[in-house]
């Protein structure tokens, strides 16, 4: 497999999972401004959506979208338990992945837009505050979102890491800050971040 990534972007989620699961992979960095990969390939021809992550499978097919890549990768090693293999627990975990994708990733990501108006930024921050209130309550005093470490924790970690970059204050949520500090110490997370030049 080959993961097309941009350092620190949401492609960090599948990168962390590849490391956690011990799956053989290559990395190819993408410049999202020029849409050219580090090796000089036209990324738009690889993923016509134009953004990362994109995962090239061994059969040449391309998979995209963080939540889908998380499921695909975790299903390669179901014994790792990063997404439950069956039953209601699986759907509860998938629900968390989708929530992070649509309710946290999207508003946090919108704060990167330098052309966003003051009103648009304020609306995104207000929405994000409500969504983080919910996930903070969901986390409660557990070490991880579903009790044990999962793909959802890798996703939440990645998105919350953008807060400093977009000047969004997380001090209201000490449990989320503690969660991110815990996830940051995982060897696979350290390895992925080092490979992306983030540490």
N, C-alpha and C. Protein backbone atom coordinates (compact mmCIF):
# COMPACT_ATOMS: atom_id res chain seq x y z
N UNK A 1 0.85 -1.19 0.00
CA UNK A 1 0.00 0.00 0.00
C UNK A 1 0.88 1.24 0.00
N UNK A 2 0.32 2.30 -0.59
CA UNK A 2 1.02 3.58 -0.56
C UNK A 2 0.04 4.64 -0.07
N UNK A 3 0.46 5.39 0.97
CA UNK A 3 -0.35 6.47 1.50
C UNK A 3 0.15 7.80 0.95
N UNK A 4 -0.75 8.52 0.30
CA UNK A 4 -0.46 9.88 -0.13
C UNK A 4 -0.87 10.81 1.00
N UNK A 5 0.08 11.63 1.46
CA UNK A 5 -0.15 12.43 2.66
C UNK A 5 0.42 13.83 2.52
N UNK A 6 -0.03 14.71 3.38
CA UNK A 6 0.56 16.02 3.57
C UNK A 6 0.83 16.13 5.07
N UNK A 7 2.03 16.55 5.47
CA UNK A 7 2.38 16.54 6.88
C UNK A 7 1.35 17.26 7.76
N UNK A 8 0.89 16.56 8.80
CA UNK A 8 -0.03 17.14 9.76
C UNK A 8 -1.48 17.23 9.33
N UNK A 9 -1.75 16.94 8.08
CA UNK A 9 -3.14 16.98 7.58
C UNK A 9 -3.89 15.77 8.11
N UNK A 10 -5.15 15.63 7.71
CA UNK A 10 -5.95 14.50 8.19
C UNK A 10 -5.40 13.15 7.72
N UNK A 11 -4.50 13.17 6.76
CA UNK A 11 -3.83 11.94 6.32
C UNK A 11 -2.96 11.35 7.43
N UNK A 12 -2.73 12.14 8.50
CA UNK A 12 -1.99 11.61 9.64
C UNK A 12 -2.76 10.46 10.30
N UNK A 13 -4.09 10.47 10.20
CA UNK A 13 -4.90 9.42 10.83
C UNK A 13 -4.56 8.04 10.23
N UNK A 14 -4.71 7.83 8.92
CA UNK A 14 -4.33 6.52 8.39
C UNK A 14 -2.85 6.21 8.57
N UNK A 15 -2.00 7.25 8.58
CA UNK A 15 -0.58 7.03 8.80
C UNK A 15 -0.36 6.43 10.19
N UNK A 16 -1.00 7.01 11.21
CA UNK A 16 -0.90 6.48 12.57
C UNK A 16 -1.40 5.04 12.60
N UNK A 17 -2.54 4.79 11.94
CA UNK A 17 -3.11 3.44 11.97
C UNK A 17 -2.21 2.43 11.26
N UNK A 18 -1.60 2.81 10.16
CA UNK A 18 -0.64 1.92 9.49
C UNK A 18 0.48 1.52 10.44
N UNK A 19 0.96 2.50 11.22
CA UNK A 19 2.03 2.21 12.18
C UNK A 19 1.52 1.36 13.33
N UNK A 20 0.34 1.71 13.87
CA UNK A 20 -0.24 0.94 14.98
C UNK A 20 -0.45 -0.53 14.60
N UNK A 21 -0.90 -0.73 13.37
CA UNK A 21 -1.25 -2.07 12.92
C UNK A 21 -0.07 -2.85 12.35
N UNK A 22 1.05 -2.17 12.16
CA UNK A 22 2.24 -2.83 11.61
C UNK A 22 2.05 -3.26 10.17
N UNK A 23 1.29 -2.49 9.40
CA UNK A 23 1.03 -2.84 8.00
C UNK A 23 2.12 -2.25 7.10
N UNK A 24 2.62 -3.06 6.20
CA UNK A 24 3.65 -2.60 5.27
C UNK A 24 3.09 -1.50 4.39
N UNK A 25 3.85 -0.42 4.23
CA UNK A 25 3.35 0.70 3.42
C UNK A 25 4.51 1.58 2.95
N UNK A 26 4.20 2.32 1.90
CA UNK A 26 5.09 3.38 1.42
C UNK A 26 4.38 4.70 1.68
N UNK A 27 5.15 5.77 1.70
CA UNK A 27 4.60 7.11 1.86
C UNK A 27 4.96 7.96 0.66
N UNK A 28 4.03 8.80 0.23
CA UNK A 28 4.30 9.75 -0.86
C UNK A 28 3.71 11.10 -0.46
N UNK A 29 4.58 12.06 -0.22
CA UNK A 29 4.12 13.39 0.20
C UNK A 29 3.51 14.15 -0.96
N UNK A 30 2.46 14.92 -0.64
CA UNK A 30 1.73 15.68 -1.66
C UNK A 30 1.77 17.16 -1.30
N UNK A 31 2.10 18.00 -2.27
CA UNK A 31 1.98 19.45 -2.12
C UNK A 31 0.56 19.81 -2.58
N UNK A 32 -0.29 20.19 -1.64
CA UNK A 32 -1.69 20.44 -1.97
C UNK A 32 -1.90 21.72 -2.76
N UNK A 33 -0.90 22.60 -2.77
CA UNK A 33 -1.01 23.83 -3.57
C UNK A 33 -0.78 23.53 -5.05
N UNK A 34 0.29 22.78 -5.33
CA UNK A 34 0.64 22.48 -6.72
C UNK A 34 -0.01 21.20 -7.22
N UNK A 35 -0.49 20.36 -6.28
CA UNK A 35 -1.04 19.03 -6.60
C UNK A 35 0.01 18.12 -7.24
N UNK A 36 1.25 18.30 -6.81
CA UNK A 36 2.36 17.47 -7.30
C UNK A 36 2.93 16.69 -6.11
N UNK A 37 3.21 15.41 -6.33
CA UNK A 37 3.79 14.59 -5.26
C UNK A 37 5.30 14.80 -5.21
N UNK A 38 5.89 14.32 -4.13
CA UNK A 38 7.34 14.47 -3.94
C UNK A 38 8.12 13.85 -5.10
N UNK A 39 7.57 12.78 -5.70
CA UNK A 39 8.28 12.13 -6.80
C UNK A 39 7.97 12.79 -8.15
N UNK A 40 7.13 13.85 -8.13
CA UNK A 40 6.82 14.58 -9.36
C UNK A 40 5.55 14.15 -10.07
N UNK A 41 4.78 13.26 -9.46
CA UNK A 41 3.54 12.80 -10.09
C UNK A 41 2.43 13.83 -9.92
N UNK A 42 1.49 13.80 -10.85
CA UNK A 42 0.31 14.66 -10.80
C UNK A 42 -0.70 14.03 -9.86
N UNK A 43 -0.86 14.61 -8.67
CA UNK A 43 -1.75 14.02 -7.67
C UNK A 43 -3.21 14.03 -8.13
N UNK A 44 -3.58 15.01 -8.93
CA UNK A 44 -4.97 15.07 -9.43
C UNK A 44 -5.31 13.85 -10.28
N UNK A 45 -4.30 13.27 -10.92
CA UNK A 45 -4.53 12.05 -11.72
C UNK A 45 -4.64 10.82 -10.81
N UNK A 46 -4.10 10.92 -9.61
CA UNK A 46 -4.17 9.81 -8.65
C UNK A 46 -5.48 9.87 -7.88
N UNK A 47 -5.82 11.06 -7.38
CA UNK A 47 -7.07 11.27 -6.67
C UNK A 47 -7.72 12.53 -7.23
N UNK A 48 -8.74 12.35 -8.04
CA UNK A 48 -9.38 13.50 -8.70
C UNK A 48 -10.08 14.44 -7.72
N UNK A 49 -10.27 13.99 -6.47
CA UNK A 49 -10.84 14.90 -5.45
C UNK A 49 -9.84 15.99 -5.08
N UNK A 50 -8.55 15.70 -5.29
CA UNK A 50 -7.52 16.72 -5.10
C UNK A 50 -7.03 16.91 -3.68
N UNK A 51 -7.45 16.06 -2.75
CA UNK A 51 -6.98 16.22 -1.38
C UNK A 51 -6.55 14.87 -0.80
N UNK A 52 -5.80 14.97 0.29
CA UNK A 52 -5.34 13.78 1.01
C UNK A 52 -6.32 13.49 2.14
N UNK A 53 -6.33 12.23 2.63
CA UNK A 53 -5.49 11.11 2.25
C UNK A 53 -6.03 10.36 1.06
N UNK A 54 -5.13 9.69 0.38
CA UNK A 54 -5.48 8.72 -0.64
C UNK A 54 -4.59 7.51 -0.39
N UNK A 55 -5.19 6.35 -0.44
CA UNK A 55 -4.44 5.11 -0.20
C UNK A 55 -4.49 4.27 -1.46
N UNK A 56 -3.30 4.04 -2.05
CA UNK A 56 -3.21 3.17 -3.22
C UNK A 56 -3.06 1.73 -2.72
N UNK A 57 -4.02 0.92 -3.09
CA UNK A 57 -3.99 -0.49 -2.69
C UNK A 57 -3.04 -1.27 -3.60
N UNK A 58 -2.71 -2.46 -3.18
CA UNK A 58 -1.77 -3.27 -3.96
C UNK A 58 -2.32 -3.64 -5.33
N UNK A 59 -3.67 -3.60 -5.49
CA UNK A 59 -4.27 -3.90 -6.80
C UNK A 59 -4.38 -2.67 -7.69
N UNK A 60 -3.84 -1.53 -7.21
CA UNK A 60 -3.85 -0.31 -8.00
C UNK A 60 -5.05 0.59 -7.76
N UNK A 61 -6.05 0.11 -7.05
CA UNK A 61 -7.22 0.93 -6.75
C UNK A 61 -6.88 1.96 -5.68
N UNK A 62 -7.63 3.07 -5.69
CA UNK A 62 -7.42 4.14 -4.73
C UNK A 62 -8.62 4.23 -3.80
N UNK A 63 -8.35 4.30 -2.50
CA UNK A 63 -9.39 4.56 -1.50
C UNK A 63 -9.15 5.94 -0.91
N UNK A 64 -10.23 6.66 -0.61
CA UNK A 64 -10.12 7.98 -0.01
C UNK A 64 -11.09 8.10 1.17
N UNK A 65 -11.00 9.21 1.87
CA UNK A 65 -11.82 9.60 3.03
C UNK A 65 -11.31 8.92 4.30
N UNK A 66 -11.03 9.73 5.29
CA UNK A 66 -10.40 9.27 6.53
C UNK A 66 -11.17 8.12 7.18
N UNK A 67 -12.48 8.28 7.34
CA UNK A 67 -13.26 7.26 8.03
C UNK A 67 -13.23 5.92 7.29
N UNK A 68 -13.25 5.98 5.97
CA UNK A 68 -13.21 4.76 5.16
C UNK A 68 -11.83 4.11 5.26
N UNK A 69 -10.79 4.91 5.19
CA UNK A 69 -9.44 4.35 5.30
C UNK A 69 -9.23 3.73 6.68
N UNK A 70 -9.77 4.37 7.71
CA UNK A 70 -9.65 3.82 9.06
C UNK A 70 -10.29 2.44 9.12
N UNK A 71 -11.50 2.32 8.58
CA UNK A 71 -12.18 1.02 8.59
C UNK A 71 -11.40 -0.01 7.78
N UNK A 72 -10.97 0.37 6.59
CA UNK A 72 -10.24 -0.56 5.73
C UNK A 72 -8.98 -1.07 6.42
N UNK A 73 -8.19 -0.15 6.96
CA UNK A 73 -6.93 -0.55 7.58
C UNK A 73 -7.17 -1.41 8.82
N UNK A 74 -8.10 -1.00 9.66
CA UNK A 74 -8.36 -1.76 10.88
C UNK A 74 -8.92 -3.14 10.57
N UNK A 75 -9.65 -3.27 9.47
CA UNK A 75 -10.18 -4.57 9.07
C UNK A 75 -9.09 -5.51 8.56
N UNK A 76 -7.92 -4.96 8.23
CA UNK A 76 -6.80 -5.82 7.82
C UNK A 76 -6.22 -6.56 9.02
N UNK A 77 -6.38 -5.99 10.21
CA UNK A 77 -5.87 -6.60 11.44
C UNK A 77 -6.95 -6.49 12.53
N UNK A 78 -8.07 -7.19 12.35
CA UNK A 78 -9.18 -7.05 13.29
C UNK A 78 -8.81 -7.42 14.73
N UNK A 79 -7.80 -8.30 14.89
CA UNK A 79 -7.38 -8.72 16.22
C UNK A 79 -6.78 -7.56 17.03
N UNK A 80 -6.36 -6.48 16.35
CA UNK A 80 -5.79 -5.33 17.05
C UNK A 80 -6.85 -4.56 17.82
N UNK A 81 -8.12 -4.71 17.42
CA UNK A 81 -9.22 -4.09 18.15
C UNK A 81 -9.34 -2.58 18.00
N UNK A 82 -8.71 -2.01 16.98
CA UNK A 82 -8.81 -0.55 16.80
C UNK A 82 -10.18 -0.13 16.27
N UNK A 83 -10.88 -1.06 15.63
CA UNK A 83 -12.31 -0.95 15.34
C UNK A 83 -12.87 -2.35 15.61
N UNK A 84 -13.88 -2.47 16.46
CA UNK A 84 -14.44 -3.81 16.71
C UNK A 84 -14.86 -4.47 15.41
N UNK A 85 -14.65 -5.77 15.32
CA UNK A 85 -14.90 -6.49 14.07
C UNK A 85 -16.39 -6.64 13.76
N UNK A 86 -17.22 -6.78 14.78
CA UNK A 86 -18.65 -7.03 14.55
C UNK A 86 -19.48 -6.41 15.67
N UNK A 87 -20.77 -6.49 15.49
CA UNK A 87 -21.71 -6.14 16.56
C UNK A 87 -21.92 -4.66 16.77
N UNK A 88 -22.72 -4.36 17.79
CA UNK A 88 -23.06 -2.97 18.07
C UNK A 88 -21.84 -2.13 18.38
N UNK A 89 -20.84 -2.72 19.05
CA UNK A 89 -19.62 -1.96 19.39
C UNK A 89 -18.97 -1.38 18.14
N UNK A 90 -19.02 -2.13 17.03
CA UNK A 90 -18.45 -1.63 15.77
C UNK A 90 -19.18 -0.38 15.32
N UNK A 91 -20.51 -0.43 15.38
CA UNK A 91 -21.29 0.70 14.88
C UNK A 91 -21.19 1.91 15.80
N UNK A 92 -21.02 1.66 17.09
CA UNK A 92 -20.79 2.78 18.02
C UNK A 92 -19.46 3.48 17.68
N UNK A 93 -18.46 2.68 17.36
CA UNK A 93 -17.16 3.25 17.00
C UNK A 93 -17.23 3.98 15.66
N UNK A 94 -17.94 3.40 14.69
CA UNK A 94 -18.10 4.07 13.40
C UNK A 94 -18.86 5.37 13.56
N UNK A 95 -19.82 5.39 14.48
CA UNK A 95 -20.56 6.61 14.76
C UNK A 95 -19.63 7.71 15.27
N UNK A 96 -18.68 7.34 16.13
CA UNK A 96 -17.70 8.31 16.61
C UNK A 96 -16.82 8.82 15.47
N UNK A 97 -16.40 7.93 14.59
CA UNK A 97 -15.57 8.34 13.45
C UNK A 97 -16.31 9.35 12.57
N UNK A 98 -17.58 9.06 12.30
CA UNK A 98 -18.36 9.96 11.45
C UNK A 98 -18.58 11.30 12.15
N UNK A 99 -18.85 11.26 13.45
CA UNK A 99 -19.05 12.49 14.22
C UNK A 99 -17.79 13.36 14.15
N UNK A 100 -16.64 12.75 14.38
CA UNK A 100 -15.39 13.52 14.32
C UNK A 100 -15.20 14.10 12.92
N UNK A 101 -15.51 13.31 11.90
CA UNK A 101 -15.35 13.74 10.51
C UNK A 101 -16.23 14.94 10.17
N UNK A 102 -17.51 14.83 10.50
CA UNK A 102 -18.46 15.85 10.05
C UNK A 102 -18.63 17.00 11.03
N UNK A 103 -18.52 16.73 12.33
CA UNK A 103 -18.86 17.74 13.32
C UNK A 103 -17.65 18.42 13.96
N UNK A 104 -16.46 17.83 13.83
CA UNK A 104 -15.26 18.44 14.41
C UNK A 104 -14.25 18.78 13.32
N UNK A 105 -13.93 17.80 12.48
CA UNK A 105 -12.97 18.01 11.39
C UNK A 105 -13.41 19.17 10.49
N UNK A 106 -14.65 19.15 10.05
CA UNK A 106 -15.10 20.18 9.08
C UNK A 106 -15.06 21.59 9.66
N UNK A 107 -15.65 21.85 10.84
CA UNK A 107 -15.56 23.22 11.34
C UNK A 107 -14.14 23.64 11.72
N UNK A 108 -13.35 22.70 12.27
CA UNK A 108 -11.96 23.05 12.59
C UNK A 108 -11.20 23.35 11.30
N UNK A 109 -11.40 22.52 10.29
CA UNK A 109 -10.74 22.74 9.00
C UNK A 109 -11.12 24.06 8.36
N UNK A 110 -12.38 24.49 8.55
CA UNK A 110 -12.83 25.74 7.94
C UNK A 110 -12.09 26.95 8.50
N UNK A 111 -11.52 26.81 9.71
CA UNK A 111 -10.80 27.92 10.33
C UNK A 111 -9.45 28.17 9.66
N UNK A 112 -9.00 27.25 8.80
CA UNK A 112 -7.76 27.47 8.04
C UNK A 112 -7.97 28.46 6.89
N UNK A 113 -9.23 28.70 6.50
CA UNK A 113 -9.52 29.54 5.34
C UNK A 113 -9.21 31.01 5.64
N UNK A 114 -8.16 31.58 5.02
CA UNK A 114 -7.80 32.97 5.31
C UNK A 114 -8.83 33.97 4.78
N UNK A 115 -9.69 33.52 3.86
CA UNK A 115 -10.70 34.41 3.28
C UNK A 115 -12.02 34.39 4.04
N UNK A 116 -12.10 33.54 5.09
CA UNK A 116 -13.34 33.47 5.87
C UNK A 116 -13.60 34.79 6.57
N UNK A 117 -14.84 35.24 6.54
CA UNK A 117 -15.21 36.49 7.21
C UNK A 117 -15.17 36.31 8.72
N UNK A 118 -15.19 37.41 9.42
CA UNK A 118 -15.22 37.38 10.89
C UNK A 118 -16.45 36.61 11.35
N UNK A 119 -17.58 36.86 10.71
CA UNK A 119 -18.83 36.18 11.08
C UNK A 119 -18.75 34.68 10.82
N UNK A 120 -18.16 34.30 9.69
CA UNK A 120 -18.04 32.88 9.36
C UNK A 120 -17.14 32.18 10.37
N UNK A 121 -16.05 32.84 10.74
CA UNK A 121 -15.14 32.25 11.75
C UNK A 121 -15.85 32.09 13.09
N UNK A 122 -16.59 33.12 13.47
CA UNK A 122 -17.30 33.07 14.75
C UNK A 122 -18.33 31.95 14.76
N UNK A 123 -19.03 31.77 13.64
CA UNK A 123 -20.03 30.70 13.54
C UNK A 123 -19.36 29.34 13.63
N UNK A 124 -18.23 29.17 12.95
CA UNK A 124 -17.50 27.89 12.99
C UNK A 124 -17.00 27.61 14.41
N UNK A 125 -16.50 28.65 15.08
CA UNK A 125 -15.99 28.46 16.44
C UNK A 125 -17.12 28.11 17.41
N UNK A 126 -18.28 28.74 17.23
CA UNK A 126 -19.43 28.45 18.10
C UNK A 126 -19.89 27.01 17.89
N UNK A 127 -19.95 26.57 16.64
CA UNK A 127 -20.34 25.19 16.34
C UNK A 127 -19.33 24.21 16.93
N UNK A 128 -18.07 24.52 16.72
CA UNK A 128 -17.00 23.66 17.22
C UNK A 128 -17.06 23.54 18.74
N UNK A 129 -17.35 24.63 19.41
CA UNK A 129 -17.46 24.63 20.87
C UNK A 129 -18.55 23.66 21.32
N UNK A 130 -19.71 23.71 20.67
CA UNK A 130 -20.80 22.79 21.03
C UNK A 130 -20.42 21.34 20.77
N UNK A 131 -19.77 21.10 19.65
CA UNK A 131 -19.38 19.73 19.29
C UNK A 131 -18.31 19.19 20.23
N UNK A 132 -17.37 20.04 20.64
CA UNK A 132 -16.33 19.60 21.56
C UNK A 132 -16.89 19.41 22.97
N UNK A 133 -17.90 20.20 23.33
CA UNK A 133 -18.59 19.97 24.61
C UNK A 133 -19.14 18.55 24.64
N UNK A 134 -19.76 18.13 23.52
CA UNK A 134 -20.35 16.79 23.48
C UNK A 134 -19.29 15.70 23.58
N UNK A 135 -18.23 15.82 22.78
CA UNK A 135 -17.25 14.74 22.77
C UNK A 135 -16.44 14.70 24.06
N UNK A 136 -16.27 15.86 24.69
CA UNK A 136 -15.60 15.90 25.99
C UNK A 136 -16.44 15.16 27.04
N UNK A 137 -17.76 15.38 27.00
CA UNK A 137 -18.66 14.67 27.92
C UNK A 137 -18.66 13.18 27.61
N UNK A 138 -18.60 12.83 26.34
CA UNK A 138 -18.56 11.42 25.93
C UNK A 138 -17.28 10.75 26.44
N UNK A 139 -16.17 11.48 26.37
CA UNK A 139 -14.90 10.95 26.88
C UNK A 139 -14.96 10.79 28.40
N UNK A 140 -15.50 11.81 29.07
CA UNK A 140 -15.62 11.75 30.53
C UNK A 140 -14.28 11.49 31.18
N UNK A 141 -14.24 10.53 32.10
CA UNK A 141 -12.99 10.21 32.79
C UNK A 141 -12.31 8.97 32.21
N UNK A 142 -12.77 8.54 31.03
CA UNK A 142 -12.13 7.39 30.37
C UNK A 142 -10.80 7.83 29.75
N UNK A 143 -9.84 6.92 29.62
CA UNK A 143 -8.59 7.32 28.96
C UNK A 143 -8.77 7.55 27.46
N UNK A 144 -9.71 6.80 26.86
CA UNK A 144 -9.96 6.89 25.42
C UNK A 144 -11.46 6.90 25.17
N UNK A 145 -11.86 7.30 23.97
CA UNK A 145 -13.28 7.52 23.68
C UNK A 145 -14.16 6.31 23.93
N UNK A 146 -13.69 5.12 23.59
CA UNK A 146 -14.51 3.94 23.83
C UNK A 146 -13.93 3.07 24.94
N UNK A 147 -13.13 3.68 25.78
CA UNK A 147 -12.51 2.96 26.89
C UNK A 147 -11.10 2.53 26.58
N UNK A 148 -10.92 1.81 25.47
CA UNK A 148 -9.58 1.42 25.01
C UNK A 148 -9.27 2.17 23.71
N UNK A 149 -7.99 2.29 23.43
CA UNK A 149 -7.54 3.07 22.27
C UNK A 149 -8.15 2.52 20.98
N UNK A 150 -8.60 3.43 20.12
CA UNK A 150 -9.24 3.04 18.86
C UNK A 150 -8.88 4.02 17.76
N UNK A 151 -9.37 3.72 16.57
CA UNK A 151 -9.17 4.60 15.42
C UNK A 151 -9.76 5.99 15.68
N UNK A 152 -10.84 6.06 16.45
CA UNK A 152 -11.47 7.35 16.75
C UNK A 152 -10.52 8.25 17.54
N UNK A 153 -9.72 7.68 18.41
CA UNK A 153 -8.77 8.47 19.18
C UNK A 153 -7.68 9.07 18.29
N UNK A 154 -7.23 8.28 17.31
CA UNK A 154 -6.23 8.79 16.36
C UNK A 154 -6.81 9.96 15.56
N UNK A 155 -8.09 9.86 15.19
CA UNK A 155 -8.73 10.91 14.41
C UNK A 155 -8.92 12.17 15.25
N UNK A 156 -9.44 12.01 16.47
CA UNK A 156 -9.64 13.17 17.33
C UNK A 156 -8.31 13.86 17.63
N UNK A 157 -7.29 13.08 17.91
CA UNK A 157 -5.95 13.61 18.16
C UNK A 157 -5.48 14.49 17.00
N UNK A 158 -5.62 13.97 15.80
CA UNK A 158 -5.14 14.69 14.61
C UNK A 158 -5.85 16.02 14.44
N UNK A 159 -7.17 16.02 14.55
CA UNK A 159 -7.94 17.25 14.33
C UNK A 159 -7.70 18.26 15.44
N UNK A 160 -7.64 17.80 16.68
CA UNK A 160 -7.40 18.74 17.78
C UNK A 160 -6.00 19.34 17.72
N UNK A 161 -5.07 18.65 17.07
CA UNK A 161 -3.72 19.20 16.91
C UNK A 161 -3.71 20.45 16.04
N UNK A 162 -4.78 20.67 15.29
CA UNK A 162 -4.84 21.87 14.45
C UNK A 162 -5.22 23.12 15.24
N UNK A 163 -5.69 22.96 16.47
CA UNK A 163 -6.24 24.08 17.23
C UNK A 163 -5.24 25.25 17.34
N UNK A 164 -3.99 24.95 17.66
CA UNK A 164 -3.00 26.03 17.77
C UNK A 164 -2.79 26.73 16.45
N UNK A 165 -2.80 25.96 15.36
CA UNK A 165 -2.57 26.54 14.04
C UNK A 165 -3.67 27.51 13.63
N UNK A 166 -4.91 27.24 14.07
CA UNK A 166 -6.04 28.11 13.70
C UNK A 166 -6.45 29.02 14.84
N UNK A 167 -5.62 29.06 15.91
CA UNK A 167 -5.86 29.93 17.07
C UNK A 167 -7.22 29.67 17.72
N UNK A 168 -7.49 28.38 17.95
CA UNK A 168 -8.71 27.98 18.65
C UNK A 168 -8.30 27.43 20.01
N UNK A 169 -8.74 28.07 21.06
CA UNK A 169 -8.32 27.76 22.42
C UNK A 169 -9.03 26.51 22.96
N UNK A 170 -8.25 25.51 23.34
CA UNK A 170 -8.81 24.26 23.88
C UNK A 170 -8.83 24.22 25.40
N UNK A 171 -8.47 25.33 26.07
CA UNK A 171 -8.36 25.29 27.53
C UNK A 171 -9.68 24.99 28.23
N UNK A 172 -10.81 25.20 27.55
CA UNK A 172 -12.13 24.89 28.12
C UNK A 172 -12.31 23.38 28.31
N UNK A 173 -11.51 22.56 27.62
CA UNK A 173 -11.68 21.11 27.63
C UNK A 173 -10.41 20.40 28.13
N UNK A 174 -10.13 20.47 29.44
CA UNK A 174 -8.92 19.81 29.95
C UNK A 174 -8.90 18.30 29.68
N UNK A 175 -10.08 17.67 29.65
CA UNK A 175 -10.10 16.23 29.38
C UNK A 175 -9.63 15.93 27.96
N UNK A 176 -9.98 16.81 27.01
CA UNK A 176 -9.54 16.61 25.63
C UNK A 176 -8.04 16.89 25.51
N UNK A 177 -7.56 17.88 26.24
CA UNK A 177 -6.12 18.16 26.22
C UNK A 177 -5.34 16.97 26.80
N UNK A 178 -5.86 16.40 27.87
CA UNK A 178 -5.20 15.24 28.48
C UNK A 178 -5.24 14.04 27.53
N UNK A 179 -6.37 13.89 26.84
CA UNK A 179 -6.50 12.81 25.85
C UNK A 179 -5.44 12.94 24.78
N UNK A 180 -5.29 14.16 24.24
CA UNK A 180 -4.31 14.36 23.17
C UNK A 180 -2.89 14.11 23.65
N UNK A 181 -2.61 14.51 24.88
CA UNK A 181 -1.27 14.27 25.44
C UNK A 181 -1.01 12.77 25.57
N UNK A 182 -2.04 12.02 25.95
CA UNK A 182 -1.92 10.56 26.10
C UNK A 182 -1.67 9.91 24.73
N UNK A 183 -2.46 10.31 23.74
CA UNK A 183 -2.32 9.73 22.41
C UNK A 183 -0.95 10.08 21.83
N UNK A 184 -0.49 11.29 22.08
CA UNK A 184 0.80 11.74 21.53
C UNK A 184 1.97 10.88 22.00
N UNK A 185 1.82 10.23 23.15
CA UNK A 185 2.92 9.42 23.69
C UNK A 185 2.98 8.01 23.10
N UNK A 186 1.97 7.62 22.34
CA UNK A 186 1.97 6.27 21.77
C UNK A 186 3.12 6.13 20.76
N UNK A 187 3.87 5.03 20.82
CA UNK A 187 5.01 4.87 19.90
C UNK A 187 4.63 5.01 18.42
N UNK A 188 3.49 4.47 18.02
CA UNK A 188 3.08 4.55 16.61
C UNK A 188 2.79 5.99 16.21
N UNK A 189 2.23 6.76 17.12
CA UNK A 189 1.93 8.17 16.85
C UNK A 189 3.25 8.94 16.71
N UNK A 190 4.18 8.67 17.62
CA UNK A 190 5.50 9.31 17.55
C UNK A 190 6.19 8.96 16.22
N UNK A 191 6.11 7.70 15.84
CA UNK A 191 6.76 7.25 14.60
C UNK A 191 6.16 7.95 13.38
N UNK A 192 4.81 8.01 13.32
CA UNK A 192 4.16 8.67 12.18
C UNK A 192 4.50 10.15 12.13
N UNK A 193 4.50 10.80 13.29
CA UNK A 193 4.78 12.24 13.32
C UNK A 193 6.23 12.52 12.94
N UNK A 194 7.14 11.68 13.39
CA UNK A 194 8.54 11.85 13.01
C UNK A 194 8.72 11.67 11.51
N UNK A 195 8.05 10.66 10.94
CA UNK A 195 8.15 10.41 9.50
C UNK A 195 7.61 11.58 8.68
N UNK A 196 6.66 12.33 9.25
CA UNK A 196 6.08 13.47 8.55
C UNK A 196 6.81 14.78 8.87
N UNK A 197 7.87 14.68 9.68
CA UNK A 197 8.65 15.88 10.03
C UNK A 197 7.94 16.78 11.02
N UNK A 198 7.03 16.22 11.81
CA UNK A 198 6.26 17.01 12.78
C UNK A 198 6.91 17.02 14.15
N UNK A 199 7.89 16.16 14.37
CA UNK A 199 8.62 16.12 15.64
C UNK A 199 10.10 16.28 15.37
